[in-house]
Amino acid sequence: MFIKLDEDNYISETLFMADGNYPEDFFEAGELPEPIEEYKYIDGVFIHAPLDPDPPTQEETNGLNREYLAETDWYLTRKFETGAAVPQDVLIKRQEAREAIVED
């Protein structure tokens, strides 16, 4: 079995050739797992990595990130009122959440 990978290392094409004369952008991969469209080929190993058929909309992404910010606001209130430190991982995730929110 010969395969060609797309830019994300998913199998984009397959060839069955007995003589080994395959196009330059294909390589031999042996037996393929099924369904092949759910596997990436990385460093000679098939990794199960199904594509997300319905990635979240920006509105959904905004909502999830706003929810996270609301759930962690208490850390900042506590810091203001008592001086207790906000955990670094929370500060980083809050920054990432703010950056992921896109206003129309």
PDB file of N, CA and C in Angstrom:
ATOM      1  N   MET A   1       0.848  -1.174   0.000  1.00  0.00           N
ATOM      2  CA  MET A   1       0.000   0.000   0.000  1.00  0.00           C
ATOM      3  C   MET A   1       0.891   1.233   0.000  1.00  0.00           C
ATOM      4  N   PHE A   2       0.596   2.156  -0.874  1.00  0.00           N
ATOM      5  CA  PHE A   2       1.314   3.417  -0.960  1.00  0.00           C
ATOM      6  C   PHE A   2       0.345   4.542  -0.641  1.00  0.00           C
ATOM      7  N   ILE A   3       0.828   5.540   0.083  1.00  0.00           N
ATOM      8  CA  ILE A   3      -0.040   6.644   0.477  1.00  0.00           C
ATOM      9  C   ILE A   3       0.601   7.984   0.143  1.00  0.00           C
ATOM     10  N   LYS A   4      -0.282   8.975   0.035  1.00  0.00           N
ATOM     11  CA  LYS A   4       0.125  10.369  -0.120  1.00  0.00           C
ATOM     12  C   LYS A   4      -0.556  11.117   1.021  1.00  0.00           C
ATOM     13  N   LEU A   5       0.187  11.995   1.681  1.00  0.00           N
ATOM     14  CA  LEU A   5      -0.351  12.740   2.806  1.00  0.00           C
ATOM     15  C   LEU A   5      -0.691  14.161   2.411  1.00  0.00           C
ATOM     16  N   ASP A   6      -1.718  14.719   3.064  1.00  0.00           N
ATOM     17  CA  ASP A   6      -2.019  16.136   2.859  1.00  0.00           C
ATOM     18  C   ASP A   6      -1.145  16.963   3.805  1.00  0.00           C
ATOM     19  N   GLU A   7      -1.349  18.278   3.840  1.00  0.00           N
ATOM     20  CA  GLU A   7      -0.498  19.160   4.637  1.00  0.00           C
ATOM     21  C   GLU A   7      -0.637  18.932   6.139  1.00  0.00           C
ATOM     22  N   ASP A   8      -1.721  18.251   6.574  1.00  0.00           N
ATOM     23  CA  ASP A   8      -1.927  17.961   7.994  1.00  0.00           C
ATOM     24  C   ASP A   8      -1.568  16.524   8.368  1.00  0.00           C
ATOM     25  N   ASN A   9      -0.925  15.809   7.440  1.00  0.00           N
ATOM     26  CA  ASN A   9      -0.507  14.408   7.619  1.00  0.00           C
ATOM     27  C   ASN A   9      -1.660  13.416   7.619  1.00  0.00           C
ATOM     28  N   TYR A  10      -2.813  13.821   7.113  1.00  0.00           N
ATOM     29  CA  TYR A  10      -3.898  12.863   6.895  1.00  0.00           C
ATOM     30  C   TYR A  10      -3.672  12.218   5.532  1.00  0.00           C
ATOM     31  N   ILE A  11      -4.114  10.984   5.398  1.00  0.00           N
ATOM     32  CA  ILE A  11      -3.953  10.270   4.134  1.00  0.00           C
ATOM     33  C   ILE A  11      -4.901  10.874   3.113  1.00  0.00           C
ATOM     34  N   SER A  12      -4.347  11.393   2.032  1.00  0.00           N
ATOM     35  CA  SER A  12      -5.187  12.022   1.015  1.00  0.00           C
ATOM     36  C   SER A  12      -5.437  11.097  -0.172  1.00  0.00           C
ATOM     37  N   GLU A  13      -4.498  10.185  -0.443  1.00  0.00           N
ATOM     38  CA  GLU A  13      -4.662   9.252  -1.563  1.00  0.00           C
ATOM     39  C   GLU A  13      -3.962   7.940  -1.223  1.00  0.00           C
ATOM     40  N   THR A  14      -4.465   6.865  -1.825  1.00  0.00           N
ATOM     41  CA  THR A  14      -3.825   5.557  -1.669  1.00  0.00           C
ATOM     42  C   THR A  14      -3.631   4.927  -3.043  1.00  0.00           C
ATOM     43  N   LEU A  15      -2.609   4.093  -3.137  1.00  0.00           N
ATOM     44  CA  LEU A  15      -2.334   3.350  -4.365  1.00  0.00           C
ATOM     45  C   LEU A  15      -1.988   1.910  -4.007  1.00  0.00           C
ATOM     46  N   PHE A  16      -2.490   0.983  -4.785  1.00  0.00           N
ATOM     47  CA  PHE A  16      -2.090  -0.413  -4.674  1.00  0.00           C
ATOM     48  C   PHE A  16      -1.253  -0.711  -5.906  1.00  0.00           C
ATOM     49  N   MET A  17       0.044  -0.923  -5.719  1.00  0.00           N
ATOM     50  CA  MET A  17       0.918  -1.192  -6.853  1.00  0.00           C
ATOM     51  C   MET A  17       1.833  -2.358  -6.499  1.00  0.00           C
ATOM     52  N   ALA A  18       1.830  -3.366  -7.347  1.00  0.00           N
ATOM     53  CA  ALA A  18       2.644  -4.545  -7.090  1.00  0.00           C
ATOM     54  C   ALA A  18       4.102  -4.343  -7.462  1.00  0.00           C
ATOM     55  N   ASP A  19       4.367  -3.492  -8.436  1.00  0.00           N
ATOM     56  CA  ASP A  19       5.735  -3.384  -8.946  1.00  0.00           C
ATOM     57  C   ASP A  19       6.605  -2.357  -8.217  1.00  0.00           C
ATOM     58  N   GLY A  20       6.022  -1.549  -7.328  1.00  0.00           N
ATOM     59  CA  GLY A  20       6.806  -0.573  -6.588  1.00  0.00           C
ATOM     60  C   GLY A  20       7.114   0.695  -7.351  1.00  0.00           C
ATOM     61  N   ASN A  21       6.597   0.842  -8.565  1.00  0.00           N
ATOM     62  CA  ASN A  21       6.809   2.059  -9.351  1.00  0.00           C
ATOM     63  C   ASN A  21       5.690   3.048  -9.039  1.00  0.00           C
ATOM     64  N   TYR A  22       5.827   3.736  -7.938  1.00  0.00           N
ATOM     65  CA  TYR A  22       4.795   4.660  -7.509  1.00  0.00           C
ATOM     66  C   TYR A  22       5.286   6.101  -7.702  1.00  0.00           C
ATOM     67  N   PRO A  23       4.356   7.060  -7.812  1.00  0.00           N
ATOM     68  CA  PRO A  23       4.748   8.461  -8.000  1.00  0.00           C
ATOM     69  C   PRO A  23       5.629   8.958  -6.847  1.00  0.00           C
ATOM     70  N   GLU A  24       6.427   9.944  -7.127  1.00  0.00           N
ATOM     71  CA  GLU A  24       7.419  10.466  -6.185  1.00  0.00           C
ATOM     72  C   GLU A  24       6.808  10.944  -4.866  1.00  0.00           C
ATOM     73  N   ASP A  25       5.602  11.526  -4.896  1.00  0.00           N
ATOM     74  CA  ASP A  25       5.012  12.061  -3.674  1.00  0.00           C
ATOM     75  C   ASP A  25       4.236  11.024  -2.863  1.00  0.00           C
ATOM     76  N   PHE A  26       4.339   9.737  -3.219  1.00  0.00           N
ATOM     77  CA  PHE A  26       3.738   8.644  -2.463  1.00  0.00           C
ATOM     78  C   PHE A  26       4.857   7.873  -1.772  1.00  0.00           C
ATOM     79  N   PHE A  27       4.527   7.166  -0.706  1.00  0.00           N
ATOM     80  CA  PHE A  27       5.506   6.291  -0.072  1.00  0.00           C
ATOM     81  C   PHE A  27       4.808   5.058   0.478  1.00  0.00           C
ATOM     82  N   GLU A  28       5.582   4.011   0.709  1.00  0.00           N
ATOM     83  CA  GLU A  28       5.017   2.752   1.166  1.00  0.00           C
ATOM     84  C   GLU A  28       4.680   2.852   2.648  1.00  0.00           C
ATOM     85  N   ALA A  29       3.477   2.414   2.981  1.00  0.00           N
ATOM     86  CA  ALA A  29       3.023   2.522   4.369  1.00  0.00           C
ATOM     87  C   ALA A  29       2.534   1.216   4.946  1.00  0.00           C
ATOM     88  N   GLY A  30       2.523   0.155   4.175  1.00  0.00           N
ATOM     89  CA  GLY A  30       2.042  -1.119   4.703  1.00  0.00           C
ATOM     90  C   GLY A  30       0.535  -1.148   4.811  1.00  0.00           C
ATOM     91  N   GLU A  31       0.032  -1.900   5.795  1.00  0.00           N
ATOM     92  CA  GLU A  31      -1.410  -2.031   5.969  1.00  0.00           C
ATOM     93  C   GLU A  31      -1.988  -0.781   6.618  1.00  0.00           C
ATOM     94  N   LEU A  32      -3.171  -0.399   6.175  1.00  0.00           N
ATOM     95  CA  LEU A  32      -3.813   0.802   6.699  1.00  0.00           C
ATOM     96  C   LEU A  32      -4.933   0.446   7.670  1.00  0.00           C
ATOM     97  N   PRO A  33      -5.081   1.234   8.738  1.00  0.00           N
ATOM     98  CA  PRO A  33      -6.227   1.042   9.632  1.00  0.00           C
ATOM     99  C   PRO A  33      -7.482   1.580   8.961  1.00  0.00           C
ATOM    100  N   GLU A  34      -8.616   1.182   9.470  1.00  0.00           N
ATOM    101  CA  GLU A  34      -9.888   1.673   8.934  1.00  0.00           C
ATOM    102  C   GLU A  34     -10.623   2.448  10.015  1.00  0.00           C
ATOM    103  N   PRO A  35     -11.361   3.467   9.676  1.00  0.00           N
ATOM    104  CA  PRO A  35     -11.392   4.159   8.393  1.00  0.00           C
ATOM    105  C   PRO A  35     -10.173   5.058   8.247  1.00  0.00           C
ATOM    106  N   ILE A  36      -9.527   4.998   7.109  1.00  0.00           N
ATOM    107  CA  ILE A  36      -8.251   5.687   6.925  1.00  0.00           C
ATOM    108  C   ILE A  36      -8.363   7.200   7.067  1.00  0.00           C
ATOM    109  N   GLU A  37      -9.527   7.756   6.807  1.00  0.00           N
ATOM    110  CA  GLU A  37      -9.659   9.214   6.882  1.00  0.00           C
ATOM    111  C   GLU A  37      -9.597   9.733   8.319  1.00  0.00           C
ATOM    112  N   GLU A  38      -9.598   8.827   9.313  1.00  0.00           N
ATOM    113  CA  GLU A  38      -9.516   9.244  10.712  1.00  0.00           C
ATOM    114  C   GLU A  38      -8.113   9.085  11.291  1.00  0.00           C
ATOM    115  N   TYR A  39      -7.126   8.815  10.436  1.00  0.00           N
ATOM    116  CA  TYR A  39      -5.774   8.567  10.929  1.00  0.00           C
ATOM    117  C   TYR A  39      -4.765   9.521  10.305  1.00  0.00           C
ATOM    118  N   LYS A  40      -3.825   9.956  11.146  1.00  0.00           N
ATOM    119  CA  LYS A  40      -2.673  10.711  10.682  1.00  0.00           C
ATOM    120  C   LYS A  40      -1.490   9.757  10.639  1.00  0.00           C
ATOM    121  N   TYR A  41      -0.533  10.035   9.785  1.00  0.00           N
ATOM    122  CA  TYR A  41       0.673   9.228   9.668  1.00  0.00           C
ATOM    123  C   TYR A  41       1.838  10.084  10.133  1.00  0.00           C
ATOM    124  N   ILE A  42       2.360   9.779  11.316  1.00  0.00           N
ATOM    125  CA  ILE A  42       3.406  10.596  11.913  1.00  0.00           C
ATOM    126  C   ILE A  42       4.565   9.703  12.324  1.00  0.00           C
ATOM    127  N   ASP A  43       5.742   9.987  11.807  1.00  0.00           N
ATOM    128  CA  ASP A  43       6.957   9.234  12.131  1.00  0.00           C
ATOM    129  C   ASP A  43       6.763   7.733  11.970  1.00  0.00           C
ATOM    130  N   GLY A  44       6.098   7.330  10.889  1.00  0.00           N
ATOM    131  CA  GLY A  44       5.937   5.915  10.585  1.00  0.00           C
ATOM    132  C   GLY A  44       4.850   5.204  11.362  1.00  0.00           C
ATOM    133  N   VAL A  45       4.034   5.964  12.094  1.00  0.00           N
ATOM    134  CA  VAL A  45       2.979   5.362  12.921  1.00  0.00           C
ATOM    135  C   VAL A  45       1.647   6.012  12.581  1.00  0.00           C
ATOM    136  N   PHE A  46       0.588   5.201  12.534  1.00  0.00           N
ATOM    137  CA  PHE A  46      -0.754   5.729  12.331  1.00  0.00           C
ATOM    138  C   PHE A  46      -1.319   6.147  13.687  1.00  0.00           C
ATOM    139  N   ILE A  47      -1.759   7.386  13.772  1.00  0.00           N
ATOM    140  CA  ILE A  47      -2.334   7.944  14.990  1.00  0.00           C
ATOM    141  C   ILE A  47      -3.807   8.229  14.728  1.00  0.00           C
ATOM    142  N   HIS A  48      -4.693   7.692  15.592  1.00  0.00           N
ATOM    143  CA  HIS A  48      -6.119   7.953  15.429  1.00  0.00           C
ATOM    144  C   HIS A  48      -6.390   9.405  15.800  1.00  0.00           C
ATOM    145  N   ALA A  49      -6.859  10.182  14.841  1.00  0.00           N
ATOM    146  CA  ALA A  49      -7.106  11.613  15.033  1.00  0.00           C
ATOM    147  C   ALA A  49      -8.261  12.034  14.144  1.00  0.00           C
ATOM    148  N   PRO A  50      -9.492  11.640  14.515  1.00  0.00           N
ATOM    149  CA  PRO A  50     -10.630  11.992  13.657  1.00  0.00           C
ATOM    150  C   PRO A  50     -10.781  13.496  13.495  1.00  0.00           C
ATOM    151  N   LEU A  51     -11.148  13.887  12.308  1.00  0.00           N
ATOM    152  CA  LEU A  51     -11.417  15.302  12.039  1.00  0.00           C
ATOM    153  C   LEU A  51     -12.698  15.702  12.748  1.00  0.00           C
ATOM    154  N   ASP A  52     -12.753  16.916  13.254  1.00  0.00           N
ATOM    155  CA  ASP A  52     -13.967  17.427  13.875  1.00  0.00           C
ATOM    156  C   ASP A  52     -14.900  17.859  12.749  1.00  0.00           C
ATOM    157  N   PRO A  53     -16.020  17.152  12.560  1.00  0.00           N
ATOM    158  CA  PRO A  53     -16.894  17.479  11.433  1.00  0.00           C
ATOM    159  C   PRO A  53     -17.559  18.847  11.559  1.00  0.00           C
ATOM    160  N   ASP A  54     -17.781  19.282  12.780  1.00  0.00           N
ATOM    161  CA  ASP A  54     -18.428  20.572  13.003  1.00  0.00           C
ATOM    162  C   ASP A  54     -17.621  21.392  14.005  1.00  0.00           C
ATOM    163  N   PRO A  55     -16.583  22.066  13.543  1.00  0.00           N
ATOM    164  CA  PRO A  55     -15.820  22.888  14.486  1.00  0.00           C
ATOM    165  C   PRO A  55     -16.720  23.970  15.063  1.00  0.00           C
ATOM    166  N   PRO A  56     -16.428  24.424  16.281  1.00  0.00           N
ATOM    167  CA  PRO A  56     -17.299  25.422  16.902  1.00  0.00           C
ATOM    168  C   PRO A  56     -17.306  26.732  16.117  1.00  0.00           C
ATOM    169  N   THR A  57     -18.438  27.380  16.135  1.00  0.00           N
ATOM    170  CA  THR A  57     -18.542  28.693  15.506  1.00  0.00           C
ATOM    171  C   THR A  57     -17.840  29.712  16.402  1.00  0.00           C
ATOM    172  N   GLN A  58     -17.555  30.874  15.878  1.00  0.00           N
ATOM    173  CA  GLN A  58     -16.926  31.919  16.697  1.00  0.00           C
ATOM    174  C   GLN A  58     -17.844  32.308  17.844  1.00  0.00           C
ATOM    175  N   GLU A  59     -19.141  32.306  17.590  1.00  0.00           N
ATOM    176  CA  GLU A  59     -20.106  32.630  18.649  1.00  0.00           C
ATOM    177  C   GLU A  59     -20.007  31.621  19.801  1.00  0.00           C
ATOM    178  N   GLU A  60     -19.882  30.326  19.463  1.00  0.00           N
ATOM    179  CA  GLU A  60     -19.735  29.295  20.492  1.00  0.00           C
ATOM    180  C   GLU A  60     -18.408  29.446  21.230  1.00  0.00           C
ATOM    181  N   THR A  61     -17.346  29.731  20.476  1.00  0.00           N
ATOM    182  CA  THR A  61     -16.033  29.943  21.078  1.00  0.00           C
ATOM    183  C   THR A  61     -16.065  31.138  22.025  1.00  0.00           C
ATOM    184  N   ASN A  62     -16.695  32.220  21.582  1.00  0.00           N
ATOM    185  CA  ASN A  62     -16.828  33.400  22.434  1.00  0.00           C
ATOM    186  C   ASN A  62     -17.574  33.050  23.717  1.00  0.00           C
ATOM    187  N   GLY A  63     -18.666  32.309  23.586  1.00  0.00           N
ATOM    188  CA  GLY A  63     -19.475  31.944  24.750  1.00  0.00           C
ATOM    189  C   GLY A  63     -18.704  31.100  25.755  1.00  0.00           C
ATOM    190  N   LEU A  64     -17.959  30.111  25.260  1.00  0.00           N
ATOM    191  CA  LEU A  64     -17.170  29.260  26.156  1.00  0.00           C
ATOM    192  C   LEU A  64     -16.095  30.061  26.879  1.00  0.00           C
ATOM    193  N   ASN A  65     -15.467  30.968  26.168  1.00  0.00           N
ATOM    194  CA  ASN A  65     -14.410  31.778  26.784  1.00  0.00           C
ATOM    195  C   ASN A  65     -14.972  32.794  27.765  1.00  0.00           C
ATOM    196  N   ARG A  66     -16.101  33.390  27.457  1.00  0.00           N
ATOM    197  CA  ARG A  66     -16.737  34.319  28.408  1.00  0.00           C
ATOM    198  C   ARG A  66     -17.182  33.572  29.665  1.00  0.00           C
ATOM    199  N   GLU A  67     -17.651  32.352  29.478  1.00  0.00           N
ATOM    200  CA  GLU A  67     -18.059  31.524  30.611  1.00  0.00           C
ATOM    201  C   GLU A  67     -16.858  31.239  31.521  1.00  0.00           C
ATOM    202  N   TYR A  68     -15.722  30.891  30.918  1.00  0.00           N
ATOM    203  CA  TYR A  68     -14.512  30.643  31.707  1.00  0.00           C
ATOM    204  C   TYR A  68     -14.109  31.898  32.478  1.00  0.00           C
ATOM    205  N   LEU A  69     -14.150  33.045  31.811  1.00  0.00           N
ATOM    206  CA  LEU A  69     -13.785  34.284  32.490  1.00  0.00           C
ATOM    207  C   LEU A  69     -14.720  34.559  33.666  1.00  0.00           C
ATOM    208  N   ALA A  70     -16.015  34.355  33.479  1.00  0.00           N
ATOM    209  CA  ALA A  70     -16.982  34.574  34.566  1.00  0.00           C
ATOM    210  C   ALA A  70     -16.729  33.606  35.724  1.00  0.00           C
ATOM    211  N   GLU A  71     -16.408  32.349  35.406  1.00  0.00           N
ATOM    212  CA  GLU A  71     -16.163  31.344  36.446  1.00  0.00           C
ATOM    213  C   GLU A  71     -14.891  31.621  37.243  1.00  0.00           C
ATOM    214  N   THR A  72     -13.965  32.352  36.696  1.00  0.00           N
ATOM    215  CA  THR A  72     -12.697  32.610  37.383  1.00  0.00           C
ATOM    216  C   THR A  72     -12.558  34.048  37.867  1.00  0.00           C
ATOM    217  N   ASP A  73     -13.609  34.848  37.700  1.00  0.00           N
ATOM    218  CA  ASP A  73     -13.570  36.236  38.194  1.00  0.00           C
ATOM    219  C   ASP A  73     -13.327  36.295  39.702  1.00  0.00           C
ATOM    220  N   TRP A  74     -13.774  35.287  40.434  1.00  0.00           N
ATOM    221  CA  TRP A  74     -13.631  35.305  41.881  1.00  0.00           C
ATOM    222  C   TRP A  74     -12.167  35.372  42.317  1.00  0.00           C
ATOM    223  N   TYR A  75     -11.271  34.822  41.502  1.00  0.00           N
ATOM    224  CA  TYR A  75      -9.852  34.909  41.846  1.00  0.00           C
ATOM    225  C   TYR A  75      -9.407  36.370  41.927  1.00  0.00           C
ATOM    226  N   LEU A  76      -9.896  37.163  40.986  1.00  0.00           N
ATOM    227  CA  LEU A  76      -9.496  38.577  40.949  1.00  0.00           C
ATOM    228  C   LEU A  76     -10.153  39.365  42.073  1.00  0.00           C
ATOM    229  N   THR A  77     -11.398  39.007  42.390  1.00  0.00           N
ATOM    230  CA  THR A  77     -12.074  39.643  43.516  1.00  0.00           C
ATOM    231  C   THR A  77     -11.329  39.319  44.806  1.00  0.00           C
ATOM    232  N   ARG A  78     -10.955  38.058  44.980  1.00  0.00           N
ATOM    233  CA  ARG A  78     -10.213  37.641  46.168  1.00  0.00           C
ATOM    234  C   ARG A  78      -8.883  38.389  46.261  1.00  0.00           C
ATOM    235  N   LYS A  79      -8.194  38.523  45.118  1.00  0.00           N
ATOM    236  CA  LYS A  79      -6.906  39.239  45.099  1.00  0.00           C
ATOM    237  C   LYS A  79      -7.094  40.680  45.548  1.00  0.00           C
ATOM    238  N   PHE A  80      -8.150  41.314  45.034  1.00  0.00           N
ATOM    239  CA  PHE A  80      -8.422  42.713  45.369  1.00  0.00           C
ATOM    240  C   PHE A  80      -8.759  42.858  46.853  1.00  0.00           C
ATOM    241  N   GLU A  81      -9.589  41.937  47.362  1.00  0.00           N
ATOM    242  CA  GLU A  81     -10.066  42.059  48.741  1.00  0.00           C
ATOM    243  C   GLU A  81      -9.066  41.568  49.782  1.00  0.00           C
ATOM    244  N   THR A  82      -8.294  40.516  49.467  1.00  0.00           N
ATOM    245  CA  THR A  82      -7.430  39.912  50.487  1.00  0.00           C
ATOM    246  C   THR A  82      -5.948  39.940  50.134  1.00  0.00           C
ATOM    247  N   GLY A  83      -5.636  40.203  48.871  1.00  0.00           N
ATOM    248  CA  GLY A  83      -4.243  40.187  48.454  1.00  0.00           C
ATOM    249  C   GLY A  83      -3.734  38.805  48.077  1.00  0.00           C
ATOM    250  N   ALA A  84      -4.591  37.785  48.159  1.00  0.00           N
ATOM    251  CA  ALA A  84      -4.175  36.417  47.802  1.00  0.00           C
ATOM    252  C   ALA A  84      -3.853  36.352  46.314  1.00  0.00           C
ATOM    253  N   ALA A  85      -2.786  35.655  45.995  1.00  0.00           N
ATOM    254  CA  ALA A  85      -2.326  35.568  44.605  1.00  0.00           C
ATOM    255  C   ALA A  85      -3.292  34.760  43.743  1.00  0.00           C
ATOM    256  N   VAL A  86      -3.375  35.167  42.497  1.00  0.00           N
ATOM    257  CA  VAL A  86      -4.116  34.407  41.485  1.00  0.00           C
ATOM    258  C   VAL A  86      -3.130  33.399  40.889  1.00  0.00           C
ATOM    259  N   PRO A  87      -3.495  32.094  40.848  1.00  0.00           N
ATOM    260  CA  PRO A  87      -2.572  31.106  40.273  1.00  0.00           C
ATOM    261  C   PRO A  87      -2.154  31.492  38.851  1.00  0.00           C
ATOM    262  N   GLN A  88      -0.878  31.266  38.550  1.00  0.00           N
ATOM    263  CA  GLN A  88      -0.327  31.641  37.248  1.00  0.00           C
ATOM    264  C   GLN A  88      -1.072  30.975  36.097  1.00  0.00           C
ATOM    265  N   ASP A  89      -1.443  29.686  36.253  1.00  0.00           N
ATOM    266  CA  ASP A  89      -2.145  28.993  35.167  1.00  0.00           C
ATOM    267  C   ASP A  89      -3.499  29.628  34.897  1.00  0.00           C
ATOM    268  N   VAL A  90      -4.153  30.142  35.932  1.00  0.00           N
ATOM    269  CA  VAL A  90      -5.443  30.821  35.749  1.00  0.00           C
ATOM    270  C   VAL A  90      -5.227  32.129  35.000  1.00  0.00           C
ATOM    271  N   LEU A  91      -4.191  32.869  35.365  1.00  0.00           N
ATOM    272  CA  LEU A  91      -3.903  34.126  34.661  1.00  0.00           C
ATOM    273  C   LEU A  91      -3.618  33.868  33.179  1.00  0.00           C
ATOM    274  N   ILE A  92      -2.860  32.814  32.893  1.00  0.00           N
ATOM    275  CA  ILE A  92      -2.532  32.480  31.498  1.00  0.00           C
ATOM    276  C   ILE A  92      -3.786  32.082  30.736  1.00  0.00           C
ATOM    277  N   LYS A  93      -4.607  31.226  31.330  1.00  0.00           N
ATOM    278  CA  LYS A  93      -5.831  30.779  30.648  1.00  0.00           C
ATOM    279  C   LYS A  93      -6.812  31.926  30.451  1.00  0.00           C
ATOM    280  N   ARG A  94      -6.871  32.837  31.414  1.00  0.00           N
ATOM    281  CA  ARG A  94      -7.753  34.002  31.245  1.00  0.00           C
ATOM    282  C   ARG A  94      -7.284  34.873  30.088  1.00  0.00           C
ATOM    283  N   GLN A  95      -5.965  35.057  29.978  1.00  0.00           N
ATOM    284  CA  GLN A  95      -5.428  35.835  28.855  1.00  0.00           C
ATOM    285  C   GLN A  95      -5.760  35.155  27.529  1.00  0.00           C
ATOM    286  N   GLU A  96      -5.578  33.844  27.463  1.00  0.00           N
ATOM    287  CA  GLU A  96      -5.905  33.097  26.239  1.00  0.00           C
ATOM    288  C   GLU A  96      -7.392  33.208  25.909  1.00  0.00           C
ATOM    289  N   ALA A  97      -8.240  33.157  26.954  1.00  0.00           N
ATOM    290  CA  ALA A  97      -9.685  33.285  26.736  1.00  0.00           C
ATOM    291  C   ALA A  97     -10.028  34.662  26.172  1.00  0.00           C
ATOM    292  N   ARG A  98      -9.425  35.698  26.740  1.00  0.00           N
ATOM    293  CA  ARG A  98      -9.687  37.061  26.225  1.00  0.00           C
ATOM    294  C   ARG A  98      -9.254  37.189  24.770  1.00  0.00           C
ATOM    295  N   GLU A  99      -8.101  36.601  24.439  1.00  0.00           N
ATOM    296  CA  GLU A  99      -7.595  36.688  23.069  1.00  0.00           C
ATOM    297  C   GLU A  99      -8.438  35.889  22.082  1.00  0.00           C
ATOM    298  N   ALA A 100      -9.109  34.850  22.562  1.00  0.00           N
ATOM    299  CA  ALA A 100      -9.920  34.007  21.663  1.00  0.00           C
ATOM    300  C   ALA A 100     -11.279  34.620  21.358  1.00  0.00           C
ATOM    301  N   ILE A 101     -11.676  35.609  22.145  1.00  0.00           N
ATOM    302  CA  ILE A 101     -12.975  36.253  21.924  1.00  0.00           C
ATOM    303  C   ILE A 101     -12.845  37.267  20.795  1.00  0.00           C
ATOM    304  N   VAL A 102     -13.703  37.113  19.799  1.00  0.00           N
ATOM    305  CA  VAL A 102     -13.714  38.027  18.652  1.00  0.00           C
ATOM    306  C   VAL A 102     -15.058  38.714  18.609  1.00  0.00           C
ATOM    307  N   GLU A 103     -15.022  40.028  18.705  1.00  0.00           N
ATOM    308  CA  GLU A 103     -16.249  40.828  18.636  1.00  0.00           C
ATOM    309  C   GLU A 103     -16.582  41.135  17.192  1.00  0.00           C
ATOM    310  N   ASP A 104     -17.839  41.123  16.867  1.00  0.00           N
ATOM    311  CA  ASP A 104     -18.261  41.452  15.492  1.00  0.00           C
ATOM    312  C   ASP A 104     -18.261  42.935  15.252  1.00  0.00           C
TER     313      ASP A 104
END
